């Protein structure tokens, strides 16, 4: 019985120790009240890493690409960054072949300095009119 009681004390001590750690230092960027409604932030900085939530585009694919990358450019600029600071990109689209056909539009933003990337075709995005969503991870220079 003493062993079980001591084990319980150890577990409670561990939980208490975890509760007393300082909170993770973050910097969060919010663009609108809808973020509270849906439970996310547009961007979150943790240390020297910036995580940008998926931004969406709609309409003809070239226009949708410019729309989404223009929005991402604005968020990066808010933090003093550019696309050259992006290390990972995830693209979700309902029209992968059209994205591939219009890849030159994406190059307008990256030039030849490409991040690691994944391109995935999905059946649908958050709203049915959206046809592309892009999320980024960027790193601040040391």
C-alpha atoms as a PDB file:
ATOM      1  CA  UNK A   1       0.000   0.000   0.000  1.00  0.00           C
ATOM      2  CA  UNK A   2       2.873   2.381   0.791  1.00  0.00           C
ATOM      3  CA  UNK A   3       4.347   1.723  -2.670  1.00  0.00           C
ATOM      4  CA  UNK A   4       1.088   2.684  -4.387  1.00  0.00           C
ATOM      5  CA  UNK A   5       0.794   5.782  -2.232  1.00  0.00           C
ATOM      6  CA  UNK A   6       4.397   6.823  -3.024  1.00  0.00           C
ATOM      7  CA  UNK A   7       3.841   6.194  -6.724  1.00  0.00           C
ATOM      8  CA  UNK A   8       0.760   8.435  -6.580  1.00  0.00           C
ATOM      9  CA  UNK A   9       2.817  11.128  -4.893  1.00  0.00           C
ATOM     10  CA  UNK A  10       5.457  10.898  -7.620  1.00  0.00           C
ATOM     11  CA  UNK A  11       2.845  11.181 -10.344  1.00  0.00           C
ATOM     12  CA  UNK A  12       1.210  14.174  -8.663  1.00  0.00           C
ATOM     13  CA  UNK A  13       4.629  15.798  -8.260  1.00  0.00           C
ATOM     14  CA  UNK A  14       5.365  15.287 -11.954  1.00  0.00           C
ATOM     15  CA  UNK A  15       2.017  16.788 -12.956  1.00  0.00           C
ATOM     16  CA  UNK A  16       2.571  19.738 -10.619  1.00  0.00           C
ATOM     17  CA  UNK A  17       6.080  20.279 -12.002  1.00  0.00           C
ATOM     18  CA  UNK A  18       4.694  20.297 -15.543  1.00  0.00           C
ATOM     19  CA  UNK A  19       2.106  22.898 -14.515  1.00  0.00           C
ATOM     20  CA  UNK A  20       4.746  25.235 -13.095  1.00  0.00           C
ATOM     21  CA  UNK A  21       6.888  25.424 -16.220  1.00  0.00           C
ATOM     22  CA  UNK A  22       6.840  28.838 -17.857  1.00  0.00           C
ATOM     23  CA  UNK A  23       4.428  29.083 -20.787  1.00  0.00           C
ATOM     24  CA  UNK A  24       5.825  28.696 -24.290  1.00  0.00           C
ATOM     25  CA  UNK A  25       6.766  32.128 -25.619  1.00  0.00           C
ATOM     26  CA  UNK A  26       4.811  32.768 -28.779  1.00  0.00           C
ATOM     27  CA  UNK A  27       3.873  35.694 -30.963  1.00  0.00           C
ATOM     28  CA  UNK A  28       0.524  35.274 -32.691  1.00  0.00           C
ATOM     29  CA  UNK A  29      -0.757  37.191 -35.708  1.00  0.00           C
ATOM     30  CA  UNK A  30      -4.511  37.545 -36.064  1.00  0.00           C
ATOM     31  CA  UNK A  31      -6.284  39.036 -39.067  1.00  0.00           C
ATOM     32  CA  UNK A  32      -9.908  38.761 -38.074  1.00  0.00           C
ATOM     33  CA  UNK A  33     -12.521  37.756 -35.529  1.00  0.00           C
ATOM     34  CA  UNK A  34     -13.338  34.643 -37.562  1.00  0.00           C
ATOM     35  CA  UNK A  35     -10.129  33.122 -36.200  1.00  0.00           C
ATOM     36  CA  UNK A  36     -11.667  33.010 -32.713  1.00  0.00           C
ATOM     37  CA  UNK A  37     -14.851  31.533 -34.155  1.00  0.00           C
ATOM     38  CA  UNK A  38     -12.993  28.683 -35.882  1.00  0.00           C
ATOM     39  CA  UNK A  39     -10.176  28.324 -33.339  1.00  0.00           C
ATOM     40  CA  UNK A  40      -6.917  29.153 -35.056  1.00  0.00           C
ATOM     41  CA  UNK A  41      -4.391  31.947 -35.654  1.00  0.00           C
ATOM     42  CA  UNK A  42      -3.154  33.194 -39.012  1.00  0.00           C
ATOM     43  CA  UNK A  43       0.455  32.825 -37.899  1.00  0.00           C
ATOM     44  CA  UNK A  44       2.301  31.749 -34.778  1.00  0.00           C
ATOM     45  CA  UNK A  45       5.944  32.453 -34.065  1.00  0.00           C
ATOM     46  CA  UNK A  46       7.758  30.104 -31.695  1.00  0.00           C
ATOM     47  CA  UNK A  47      11.403  31.001 -31.198  1.00  0.00           C
ATOM     48  CA  UNK A  48      12.964  31.550 -34.600  1.00  0.00           C
ATOM     49  CA  UNK A  49      10.235  29.629 -36.482  1.00  0.00           C
ATOM     50  CA  UNK A  50       7.073  31.095 -38.004  1.00  0.00           C
ATOM     51  CA  UNK A  51       4.128  28.810 -38.771  1.00  0.00           C
ATOM     52  CA  UNK A  52       1.600  30.314 -41.187  1.00  0.00           C
ATOM     53  CA  UNK A  53      -1.855  28.758 -41.435  1.00  0.00           C
ATOM     54  CA  UNK A  54      -3.282  27.845 -44.798  1.00  0.00           C
ATOM     55  CA  UNK A  55      -4.245  30.825 -46.931  1.00  0.00           C
ATOM     56  CA  UNK A  56      -6.720  30.285 -49.735  1.00  0.00           C
ATOM     57  CA  UNK A  57      -7.361  31.438 -53.276  1.00  0.00           C
ATOM     58  CA  UNK A  58     -10.249  31.103 -55.681  1.00  0.00           C
ATOM     59  CA  UNK A  59     -11.104  31.702 -59.315  1.00  0.00           C
ATOM     60  CA  UNK A  60      -8.940  30.890 -62.319  1.00  0.00           C
ATOM     61  CA  UNK A  61      -5.816  29.095 -61.101  1.00  0.00           C
ATOM     62  CA  UNK A  62      -3.304  31.832 -62.030  1.00  0.00           C
ATOM     63  CA  UNK A  63      -5.427  34.400 -60.163  1.00  0.00           C
ATOM     64  CA  UNK A  64      -5.928  32.053 -57.207  1.00  0.00           C
ATOM     65  CA  UNK A  65      -2.160  31.464 -56.952  1.00  0.00           C
ATOM     66  CA  UNK A  66      -1.420  35.206 -57.005  1.00  0.00           C
ATOM     67  CA  UNK A  67      -4.179  35.803 -54.451  1.00  0.00           C
ATOM     68  CA  UNK A  68      -2.892  33.240 -51.956  1.00  0.00           C
ATOM     69  CA  UNK A  69       0.800  34.102 -52.355  1.00  0.00           C
ATOM     70  CA  UNK A  70      -0.004  37.810 -52.092  1.00  0.00           C
ATOM     71  CA  UNK A  71      -1.674  37.125 -48.765  1.00  0.00           C
ATOM     72  CA  UNK A  72       1.286  35.017 -47.588  1.00  0.00           C
ATOM     73  CA  UNK A  73       3.696  37.749 -48.694  1.00  0.00           C
ATOM     74  CA  UNK A  74       1.816  40.244 -46.497  1.00  0.00           C
ATOM     75  CA  UNK A  75       2.064  37.961 -43.449  1.00  0.00           C
ATOM     76  CA  UNK A  76       5.768  37.299 -44.036  1.00  0.00           C
ATOM     77  CA  UNK A  77       6.375  41.059 -44.394  1.00  0.00           C
ATOM     78  CA  UNK A  78       4.578  41.689 -41.093  1.00  0.00           C
ATOM     79  CA  UNK A  79       7.399  39.707 -39.487  1.00  0.00           C
ATOM     80  CA  UNK A  80      10.152  41.240 -41.644  1.00  0.00           C
ATOM     81  CA  UNK A  81      10.511  38.074 -43.727  1.00  0.00           C
ATOM     82  CA  UNK A  82      10.297  37.184 -47.426  1.00  0.00           C
ATOM     83  CA  UNK A  83       9.757  33.986 -49.367  1.00  0.00           C
ATOM     84  CA  UNK A  84      13.514  33.382 -49.114  1.00  0.00           C
ATOM     85  CA  UNK A  85      12.950  32.630 -45.402  1.00  0.00           C
ATOM     86  CA  UNK A  86      10.401  29.897 -46.171  1.00  0.00           C
ATOM     87  CA  UNK A  87      11.743  26.397 -45.512  1.00  0.00           C
ATOM     88  CA  UNK A  88       8.556  24.317 -45.955  1.00  0.00           C
ATOM     89  CA  UNK A  89       5.441  24.758 -48.017  1.00  0.00           C
ATOM     90  CA  UNK A  90       2.315  22.595 -48.164  1.00  0.00           C
ATOM     91  CA  UNK A  91      -0.105  23.150 -51.026  1.00  0.00           C
ATOM     92  CA  UNK A  92      -3.584  21.660 -51.085  1.00  0.00           C
ATOM     93  CA  UNK A  93      -5.578  22.078 -54.274  1.00  0.00           C
ATOM     94  CA  UNK A  94      -8.688  20.732 -55.920  1.00  0.00           C
ATOM     95  CA  UNK A  95      -6.962  21.062 -59.320  1.00  0.00           C
ATOM     96  CA  UNK A  96      -3.421  19.697 -59.148  1.00  0.00           C
ATOM     97  CA  UNK A  97      -2.946  19.581 -62.921  1.00  0.00           C
ATOM     98  CA  UNK A  98      -3.889  23.276 -63.214  1.00  0.00           C
ATOM     99  CA  UNK A  99      -1.494  24.119 -60.377  1.00  0.00           C
ATOM    100  CA  UNK A 100       1.311  22.317 -62.205  1.00  0.00           C
ATOM    101  CA  UNK A 101       0.430  24.078 -65.479  1.00  0.00           C
ATOM    102  CA  UNK A 102       0.634  27.463 -63.705  1.00  0.00           C
ATOM    103  CA  UNK A 103       3.749  26.803 -61.603  1.00  0.00           C
ATOM    104  CA  UNK A 104       5.459  29.808 -63.232  1.00  0.00           C
ATOM    105  CA  UNK A 105       3.109  32.079 -61.252  1.00  0.00           C
ATOM    106  CA  UNK A 106       4.421  30.584 -57.995  1.00  0.00           C
ATOM    107  CA  UNK A 107       7.974  31.224 -59.219  1.00  0.00           C
ATOM    108  CA  UNK A 108       7.189  34.965 -59.325  1.00  0.00           C
ATOM    109  CA  UNK A 109       7.284  34.814 -55.521  1.00  0.00           C
ATOM    110  CA  UNK A 110      10.137  32.353 -54.936  1.00  0.00           C
ATOM    111  CA  UNK A 111      12.430  33.002 -57.868  1.00  0.00           C
ATOM    112  CA  UNK A 112      14.809  30.033 -57.789  1.00  0.00           C
ATOM    113  CA  UNK A 113      15.034  29.772 -53.993  1.00  0.00           C
ATOM    114  CA  UNK A 114      12.620  26.899 -53.390  1.00  0.00           C
ATOM    115  CA  UNK A 115      11.565  25.483 -50.019  1.00  0.00           C
ATOM    116  CA  UNK A 116      10.821  21.852 -49.281  1.00  0.00           C
ATOM    117  CA  UNK A 117       7.290  21.332 -50.542  1.00  0.00           C
ATOM    118  CA  UNK A 118       4.332  18.970 -50.727  1.00  0.00           C
ATOM    119  CA  UNK A 119       1.561  19.369 -53.276  1.00  0.00           C
ATOM    120  CA  UNK A 120      -1.629  17.430 -52.574  1.00  0.00           C
ATOM    121  CA  UNK A 121      -4.913  17.204 -54.464  1.00  0.00           C
ATOM    122  CA  UNK A 122      -8.022  17.178 -52.270  1.00  0.00           C
ATOM    123  CA  UNK A 123     -11.732  16.859 -53.017  1.00  0.00           C
ATOM    124  CA  UNK A 124     -12.648  20.097 -51.298  1.00  0.00           C
ATOM    125  CA  UNK A 125     -11.209  22.907 -49.189  1.00  0.00           C
ATOM    126  CA  UNK A 126     -12.873  24.809 -46.297  1.00  0.00           C
ATOM    127  CA  UNK A 127     -15.267  26.628 -48.635  1.00  0.00           C
ATOM    128  CA  UNK A 128     -16.250  25.003 -51.951  1.00  0.00           C
ATOM    129  CA  UNK A 129     -15.231  28.078 -53.985  1.00  0.00           C
ATOM    130  CA  UNK A 130     -11.598  27.821 -52.842  1.00  0.00           C
ATOM    131  CA  UNK A 131      -9.340  25.839 -55.148  1.00  0.00           C
ATOM    132  CA  UNK A 132      -5.929  26.294 -53.502  1.00  0.00           C
ATOM    133  CA  UNK A 133      -4.668  26.517 -49.924  1.00  0.00           C
ATOM    134  CA  UNK A 134      -1.030  27.089 -48.976  1.00  0.00           C
ATOM    135  CA  UNK A 135       0.594  26.892 -45.554  1.00  0.00           C
ATOM    136  CA  UNK A 136       4.187  27.864 -44.819  1.00  0.00           C
ATOM    137  CA  UNK A 137       6.941  27.430 -42.264  1.00  0.00           C
ATOM    138  CA  UNK A 138       9.596  30.147 -42.263  1.00  0.00           C
ATOM    139  CA  UNK A 139      12.741  30.600 -40.190  1.00  0.00           C
ATOM    140  CA  UNK A 140      14.074  33.917 -38.922  1.00  0.00           C
ATOM    141  CA  UNK A 141      17.726  34.635 -39.710  1.00  0.00           C
ATOM    142  CA  UNK A 142      20.114  34.208 -36.778  1.00  0.00           C
END
